[in-house]
Amino acid sequence: QVQLAETGGGSVQAGGSLRLSCKASGSIGRRHCMGWFRQGPGPVRQGVAAIDSDGITTYGNSVKGRFTISKDKYKNILYLQMNSLKPEDTAMYYCGAEAGCEYSDYFLSNFPDVRAPSAYWGQGTQVTVSS
């Protein structure tokens, strides 16, 4: 079983930057995907950025060119560098992982709907961007 814990959220003015971290513990297996998802005032949790076991990354259209996902394999930490933040980026940001996942693009678009034992979520970290 895998446990995920996010840190790094906070309040920032528009145009500022934040770096989120997701510490992973446990064993998920060699083939898997990890990523960042966010949920604003509405009920929908949307994909932000994802990375698979081959290091291939996929980004949501609204964050391309501004956010960067990366991972530190030695420390077992997933990062999300967020630059040029906008008020519409305000949301609860969640770290997610799925065992057996092969492609980051599929993971990014489909994982929020997964409720299988192979799906793991952190508790989230709040990001608030003011005008």
N, C-alpha and C. Protein backbone atom coordinates (compact mmCIF):
# COMPACT_ATOMS: atom_id res chain seq x y z
N GLN A 1 0.84 -1.18 0.00
CA GLN A 1 0.00 0.00 0.00
C GLN A 1 0.88 1.25 0.00
N VAL A 2 0.42 2.30 -0.68
CA VAL A 2 1.17 3.53 -0.83
C VAL A 2 0.49 4.65 -0.06
N GLN A 3 1.29 5.47 0.59
CA GLN A 3 0.80 6.66 1.25
C GLN A 3 1.47 7.89 0.65
N LEU A 4 0.67 8.93 0.42
CA LEU A 4 1.15 10.17 -0.19
C LEU A 4 0.85 11.34 0.73
N ALA A 5 1.80 12.26 0.84
CA ALA A 5 1.63 13.42 1.70
C ALA A 5 2.13 14.67 0.99
N GLU A 6 1.24 15.63 0.76
CA GLU A 6 1.58 16.86 0.07
C GLU A 6 1.97 17.96 1.05
N THR A 7 2.91 18.80 0.62
CA THR A 7 3.28 20.00 1.35
C THR A 7 3.59 21.10 0.35
N GLY A 8 3.68 22.33 0.82
CA GLY A 8 4.12 23.43 0.00
C GLY A 8 3.05 24.42 -0.41
N GLY A 9 1.80 24.14 -0.10
CA GLY A 9 0.74 25.07 -0.44
C GLY A 9 0.79 26.33 0.40
N GLY A 10 0.04 27.33 -0.02
CA GLY A 10 0.00 28.59 0.69
C GLY A 10 -0.70 29.65 -0.11
N SER A 11 -0.58 30.89 0.35
CA SER A 11 -1.18 32.04 -0.31
C SER A 11 -0.11 32.86 -1.00
N VAL A 12 -0.41 33.28 -2.22
CA VAL A 12 0.54 34.04 -3.02
C VAL A 12 -0.22 35.00 -3.92
N GLN A 13 0.40 36.11 -4.26
CA GLN A 13 -0.21 37.06 -5.19
C GLN A 13 -0.04 36.59 -6.63
N ALA A 14 -0.93 37.05 -7.48
CA ALA A 14 -0.85 36.71 -8.90
C ALA A 14 0.53 37.05 -9.46
N GLY A 15 1.06 36.12 -10.26
CA GLY A 15 2.39 36.28 -10.81
C GLY A 15 3.47 35.62 -9.99
N GLY A 16 3.14 35.19 -8.79
CA GLY A 16 4.10 34.56 -7.91
C GLY A 16 4.30 33.09 -8.20
N SER A 17 5.10 32.44 -7.36
CA SER A 17 5.45 31.04 -7.55
C SER A 17 5.31 30.25 -6.26
N LEU A 18 5.05 28.96 -6.42
CA LEU A 18 5.03 28.02 -5.32
C LEU A 18 5.58 26.69 -5.82
N ARG A 19 6.15 25.91 -4.91
CA ARG A 19 6.62 24.57 -5.24
C ARG A 19 5.97 23.57 -4.29
N LEU A 20 5.18 22.68 -4.84
CA LEU A 20 4.52 21.64 -4.06
C LEU A 20 5.37 20.39 -4.05
N SER A 21 5.30 19.66 -2.94
CA SER A 21 6.02 18.40 -2.81
C SER A 21 5.06 17.30 -2.38
N CYS A 22 5.31 16.10 -2.85
CA CYS A 22 4.53 14.93 -2.49
C CYS A 22 5.49 13.82 -2.09
N LYS A 23 5.51 13.50 -0.82
CA LYS A 23 6.36 12.44 -0.31
C LYS A 23 5.62 11.11 -0.38
N ALA A 24 6.21 10.15 -1.05
CA ALA A 24 5.61 8.83 -1.20
C ALA A 24 6.28 7.82 -0.30
N SER A 25 5.48 6.98 0.33
CA SER A 25 5.98 5.88 1.14
C SER A 25 5.25 4.61 0.77
N GLY A 26 5.86 3.48 1.05
CA GLY A 26 5.30 2.20 0.65
C GLY A 26 5.83 1.79 -0.72
N SER A 27 5.28 0.72 -1.26
CA SER A 27 5.72 0.18 -2.53
C SER A 27 4.54 0.09 -3.50
N ILE A 28 4.67 0.75 -4.65
CA ILE A 28 3.61 0.76 -5.65
C ILE A 28 3.92 -0.13 -6.85
N GLY A 29 5.17 -0.55 -6.97
CA GLY A 29 5.58 -1.36 -8.11
C GLY A 29 6.34 -0.55 -9.14
N ARG A 30 7.03 -1.24 -10.04
CA ARG A 30 7.88 -0.56 -11.01
C ARG A 30 7.08 0.27 -12.01
N ARG A 31 5.97 -0.27 -12.49
CA ARG A 31 5.14 0.43 -13.47
C ARG A 31 4.02 1.19 -12.75
N HIS A 32 4.04 2.50 -12.86
CA HIS A 32 3.02 3.33 -12.23
C HIS A 32 3.08 4.74 -12.78
N CYS A 33 2.05 5.51 -12.48
CA CYS A 33 2.01 6.93 -12.82
C CYS A 33 1.75 7.74 -11.57
N MET A 34 2.26 8.95 -11.56
CA MET A 34 2.00 9.88 -10.48
C MET A 34 1.66 11.24 -11.07
N GLY A 35 0.92 12.03 -10.33
CA GLY A 35 0.56 13.33 -10.86
C GLY A 35 -0.09 14.23 -9.83
N TRP A 36 -0.41 15.43 -10.31
CA TRP A 36 -1.06 16.44 -9.50
C TRP A 36 -2.43 16.76 -10.08
N PHE A 37 -3.41 16.88 -9.21
CA PHE A 37 -4.77 17.19 -9.58
C PHE A 37 -5.28 18.28 -8.65
N ARG A 38 -6.26 19.03 -9.12
CA ARG A 38 -6.77 20.12 -8.29
C ARG A 38 -8.29 20.19 -8.35
N GLN A 39 -8.84 20.70 -7.26
CA GLN A 39 -10.28 20.85 -7.16
C GLN A 39 -10.59 22.23 -6.60
N GLY A 40 -11.30 23.04 -7.37
CA GLY A 40 -11.71 24.37 -6.95
C GLY A 40 -13.03 24.33 -6.22
N PRO A 41 -13.81 25.41 -6.33
CA PRO A 41 -15.10 25.47 -5.62
C PRO A 41 -16.09 24.41 -6.07
N GLY A 42 -16.00 23.97 -7.32
CA GLY A 42 -16.92 22.98 -7.84
C GLY A 42 -16.54 21.57 -7.45
N PRO A 43 -17.34 20.60 -7.88
CA PRO A 43 -17.13 19.20 -7.48
C PRO A 43 -16.11 18.45 -8.32
N VAL A 44 -15.61 19.04 -9.41
CA VAL A 44 -14.75 18.34 -10.35
C VAL A 44 -13.29 18.46 -9.96
N ARG A 45 -12.61 17.31 -9.93
CA ARG A 45 -11.18 17.28 -9.71
C ARG A 45 -10.49 17.09 -11.06
N GLN A 46 -9.67 18.06 -11.45
CA GLN A 46 -9.08 18.09 -12.78
C GLN A 46 -7.58 17.79 -12.74
N GLY A 47 -7.09 17.19 -13.81
CA GLY A 47 -5.68 16.89 -13.91
C GLY A 47 -4.85 18.14 -14.18
N VAL A 48 -3.72 18.26 -13.50
CA VAL A 48 -2.80 19.38 -13.66
C VAL A 48 -1.55 18.94 -14.40
N ALA A 49 -0.89 17.90 -13.90
CA ALA A 49 0.34 17.40 -14.50
C ALA A 49 0.56 15.96 -14.07
N ALA A 50 1.17 15.16 -14.93
CA ALA A 50 1.40 13.76 -14.63
C ALA A 50 2.74 13.30 -15.21
N ILE A 51 3.29 12.25 -14.61
CA ILE A 51 4.53 11.66 -15.08
C ILE A 51 4.44 10.15 -14.90
N ASP A 52 4.93 9.40 -15.89
CA ASP A 52 4.89 7.95 -15.81
C ASP A 52 6.26 7.38 -15.47
N SER A 53 6.36 6.05 -15.46
CA SER A 53 7.59 5.38 -15.05
C SER A 53 8.75 5.63 -16.00
N ASP A 54 8.45 6.02 -17.24
CA ASP A 54 9.49 6.33 -18.22
C ASP A 54 9.90 7.80 -18.18
N GLY A 55 9.30 8.59 -17.30
CA GLY A 55 9.62 9.99 -17.20
C GLY A 55 8.88 10.88 -18.18
N ILE A 56 7.91 10.34 -18.90
CA ILE A 56 7.13 11.12 -19.84
C ILE A 56 6.10 11.95 -19.09
N THR A 57 6.03 13.23 -19.38
CA THR A 57 5.13 14.14 -18.67
C THR A 57 3.99 14.60 -19.55
N THR A 58 2.87 14.92 -18.91
CA THR A 58 1.69 15.46 -19.57
C THR A 58 1.12 16.57 -18.69
N TYR A 59 0.69 17.66 -19.33
CA TYR A 59 0.17 18.81 -18.61
C TYR A 59 -1.23 19.16 -19.07
N GLY A 60 -2.02 19.68 -18.15
CA GLY A 60 -3.29 20.24 -18.52
C GLY A 60 -3.09 21.51 -19.33
N ASN A 61 -4.03 21.79 -20.23
CA ASN A 61 -3.87 22.92 -21.14
C ASN A 61 -3.73 24.26 -20.40
N SER A 62 -4.39 24.40 -19.28
CA SER A 62 -4.39 25.67 -18.57
C SER A 62 -3.09 25.98 -17.85
N VAL A 63 -2.20 24.98 -17.71
CA VAL A 63 -0.96 25.20 -16.96
C VAL A 63 0.29 25.01 -17.81
N LYS A 64 0.14 24.65 -19.08
CA LYS A 64 1.29 24.46 -19.95
C LYS A 64 2.12 25.74 -20.06
N GLY A 65 3.42 25.58 -19.91
CA GLY A 65 4.32 26.71 -19.96
C GLY A 65 4.51 27.41 -18.64
N ARG A 66 3.70 27.08 -17.65
CA ARG A 66 3.80 27.71 -16.34
C ARG A 66 4.18 26.73 -15.23
N PHE A 67 3.71 25.50 -15.32
CA PHE A 67 3.97 24.49 -14.29
C PHE A 67 4.94 23.44 -14.82
N THR A 68 5.72 22.87 -13.91
CA THR A 68 6.64 21.80 -14.25
C THR A 68 6.57 20.70 -13.21
N ILE A 69 6.35 19.47 -13.66
CA ILE A 69 6.32 18.32 -12.77
C ILE A 69 7.66 17.59 -12.86
N SER A 70 8.15 17.13 -11.73
CA SER A 70 9.40 16.39 -11.69
C SER A 70 9.39 15.45 -10.49
N LYS A 71 10.33 14.54 -10.45
CA LYS A 71 10.42 13.61 -9.33
C LYS A 71 11.86 13.36 -8.95
N ASP A 72 12.07 13.16 -7.66
CA ASP A 72 13.36 12.80 -7.11
C ASP A 72 13.27 11.33 -6.71
N LYS A 73 13.83 10.46 -7.52
CA LYS A 73 13.72 9.02 -7.27
C LYS A 73 14.46 8.60 -6.01
N TYR A 74 15.54 9.28 -5.70
CA TYR A 74 16.33 8.94 -4.51
C TYR A 74 15.56 9.24 -3.23
N LYS A 75 14.85 10.38 -3.20
CA LYS A 75 14.11 10.79 -2.02
C LYS A 75 12.64 10.39 -2.06
N ASN A 76 12.20 9.82 -3.18
CA ASN A 76 10.80 9.42 -3.36
C ASN A 76 9.84 10.60 -3.19
N ILE A 77 10.16 11.69 -3.86
CA ILE A 77 9.35 12.90 -3.77
C ILE A 77 8.95 13.36 -5.16
N LEU A 78 7.69 13.69 -5.32
CA LEU A 78 7.15 14.28 -6.54
C LEU A 78 6.99 15.78 -6.33
N TYR A 79 7.39 16.58 -7.32
CA TYR A 79 7.32 18.02 -7.20
C TYR A 79 6.41 18.63 -8.26
N LEU A 80 5.87 19.79 -7.93
CA LEU A 80 5.17 20.61 -8.90
C LEU A 80 5.63 22.05 -8.72
N GLN A 81 6.43 22.53 -9.66
CA GLN A 81 6.85 23.92 -9.65
C GLN A 81 5.81 24.75 -10.38
N MET A 82 5.23 25.72 -9.70
CA MET A 82 4.16 26.54 -10.25
C MET A 82 4.65 27.98 -10.35
N ASN A 83 4.74 28.48 -11.57
CA ASN A 83 5.16 29.85 -11.83
C ASN A 83 4.04 30.64 -12.48
N SER A 84 4.16 31.96 -12.44
CA SER A 84 3.16 32.85 -13.05
C SER A 84 1.75 32.48 -12.63
N LEU A 85 1.56 32.31 -11.35
CA LEU A 85 0.28 31.86 -10.83
C LEU A 85 -0.82 32.89 -11.08
N LYS A 86 -2.01 32.38 -11.34
CA LYS A 86 -3.19 33.18 -11.61
C LYS A 86 -4.27 32.89 -10.57
N PRO A 87 -5.20 33.82 -10.36
CA PRO A 87 -6.28 33.56 -9.41
C PRO A 87 -7.06 32.28 -9.72
N GLU A 88 -7.20 31.94 -10.99
CA GLU A 88 -7.92 30.73 -11.36
C GLU A 88 -7.17 29.45 -11.01
N ASP A 89 -5.92 29.57 -10.58
CA ASP A 89 -5.18 28.41 -10.09
C ASP A 89 -5.54 28.07 -8.65
N THR A 90 -6.30 28.91 -8.00
CA THR A 90 -6.71 28.67 -6.63
C THR A 90 -7.50 27.37 -6.53
N ALA A 91 -7.04 26.46 -5.69
CA ALA A 91 -7.68 25.15 -5.56
C ALA A 91 -6.96 24.35 -4.48
N MET A 92 -7.58 23.23 -4.12
CA MET A 92 -6.90 22.23 -3.33
C MET A 92 -6.14 21.32 -4.29
N TYR A 93 -4.85 21.17 -4.08
CA TYR A 93 -4.02 20.37 -4.96
C TYR A 93 -3.73 19.02 -4.32
N TYR A 94 -4.00 17.96 -5.07
CA TYR A 94 -3.84 16.60 -4.59
C TYR A 94 -2.78 15.86 -5.38
N CYS A 95 -2.00 15.07 -4.68
CA CYS A 95 -1.07 14.15 -5.30
C CYS A 95 -1.76 12.81 -5.48
N GLY A 96 -1.63 12.22 -6.66
CA GLY A 96 -2.25 10.94 -6.94
C GLY A 96 -1.28 9.97 -7.58
N ALA A 97 -1.54 8.68 -7.41
CA ALA A 97 -0.70 7.64 -8.00
C ALA A 97 -1.55 6.43 -8.33
N GLU A 98 -1.16 5.70 -9.38
CA GLU A 98 -1.87 4.49 -9.78
C GLU A 98 -0.88 3.41 -10.17
N ALA A 99 -0.98 2.27 -9.50
CA ALA A 99 -0.15 1.13 -9.84
C ALA A 99 -0.57 0.54 -11.18
N GLY A 100 0.40 0.10 -11.97
CA GLY A 100 0.13 -0.52 -13.25
C GLY A 100 -0.09 0.46 -14.39
N CYS A 101 -0.09 1.74 -14.11
CA CYS A 101 -0.31 2.76 -15.14
C CYS A 101 0.88 2.81 -16.10
N GLU A 102 0.58 2.98 -17.41
CA GLU A 102 1.64 3.00 -18.42
C GLU A 102 1.85 4.37 -19.06
N TYR A 103 0.80 5.18 -19.20
CA TYR A 103 0.90 6.42 -19.95
C TYR A 103 0.39 7.61 -19.13
N SER A 104 1.20 8.65 -19.07
CA SER A 104 0.86 9.81 -18.26
C SER A 104 -0.33 10.58 -18.81
N ASP A 105 -0.51 10.59 -20.14
CA ASP A 105 -1.64 11.33 -20.71
C ASP A 105 -2.97 10.69 -20.34
N TYR A 106 -3.02 9.37 -20.42
CA TYR A 106 -4.23 8.66 -20.01
C TYR A 106 -4.49 8.84 -18.52
N PHE A 107 -3.44 8.73 -17.73
CA PHE A 107 -3.54 8.90 -16.29
C PHE A 107 -4.09 10.28 -15.92
N LEU A 108 -3.61 11.31 -16.56
CA LEU A 108 -4.00 12.68 -16.24
C LEU A 108 -5.49 12.90 -16.47
N SER A 109 -6.01 12.35 -17.54
CA SER A 109 -7.40 12.59 -17.91
C SER A 109 -8.39 11.64 -17.24
N ASN A 110 -7.94 10.46 -16.85
CA ASN A 110 -8.86 9.44 -16.35
C ASN A 110 -8.75 9.15 -14.86
N PHE A 111 -7.64 9.43 -14.24
CA PHE A 111 -7.43 9.03 -12.86
C PHE A 111 -8.43 9.61 -11.87
N PRO A 112 -8.88 10.87 -12.02
CA PRO A 112 -9.83 11.40 -11.03
C PRO A 112 -11.09 10.56 -10.87
N ASP A 113 -11.43 9.74 -11.86
CA ASP A 113 -12.62 8.90 -11.78
C ASP A 113 -12.35 7.51 -11.25
N VAL A 114 -11.10 7.18 -10.99
CA VAL A 114 -10.73 5.84 -10.56
C VAL A 114 -10.97 5.67 -9.07
N ARG A 115 -11.60 4.57 -8.71
CA ARG A 115 -11.84 4.23 -7.30
C ARG A 115 -11.40 2.79 -7.03
N ALA A 116 -10.35 2.36 -7.71
CA ALA A 116 -9.84 1.01 -7.56
C ALA A 116 -8.81 0.93 -6.43
N PRO A 117 -8.54 -0.30 -5.94
CA PRO A 117 -7.52 -0.45 -4.89
C PRO A 117 -6.13 0.00 -5.32
N SER A 118 -5.87 0.07 -6.64
CA SER A 118 -4.58 0.48 -7.14
C SER A 118 -4.42 2.00 -7.22
N ALA A 119 -5.44 2.76 -6.85
CA ALA A 119 -5.41 4.21 -6.89
C ALA A 119 -5.15 4.78 -5.50
N TYR A 120 -4.26 5.75 -5.43
CA TYR A 120 -3.89 6.35 -4.16
C TYR A 120 -3.96 7.87 -4.25
N TRP A 121 -4.41 8.50 -3.17
CA TRP A 121 -4.52 9.95 -3.07
C TRP A 121 -3.90 10.46 -1.79
N GLY A 122 -3.29 11.65 -1.86
CA GLY A 122 -2.90 12.36 -0.66
C GLY A 122 -4.08 13.14 -0.11
N GLN A 123 -3.85 13.84 0.99
CA GLN A 123 -4.92 14.61 1.63
C GLN A 123 -5.10 15.99 1.03
N GLY A 124 -4.15 16.46 0.24
CA GLY A 124 -4.26 17.73 -0.43
C GLY A 124 -3.55 18.86 0.29
N THR A 125 -3.19 19.88 -0.47
CA THR A 125 -2.62 21.11 0.08
C THR A 125 -3.24 22.30 -0.64
N GLN A 126 -3.66 23.30 0.12
CA GLN A 126 -4.40 24.42 -0.44
C GLN A 126 -3.47 25.45 -1.06
N VAL A 127 -3.82 25.88 -2.28
CA VAL A 127 -3.12 26.96 -2.97
C VAL A 127 -4.12 28.08 -3.22
N THR A 128 -3.80 29.27 -2.76
CA THR A 128 -4.68 30.42 -2.94
C THR A 128 -3.90 31.55 -3.61
N VAL A 129 -4.40 32.02 -4.74
CA VAL A 129 -3.75 33.07 -5.50
C VAL A 129 -4.65 34.29 -5.52
N SER A 130 -4.17 35.40 -5.01
CA SER A 130 -4.95 36.63 -4.95
C SER A 130 -4.61 37.54 -6.12
N SER A 131 -5.55 38.42 -6.46
CA SER A 131 -5.37 39.34 -7.57
C SER A 131 -4.39 40.44 -7.23
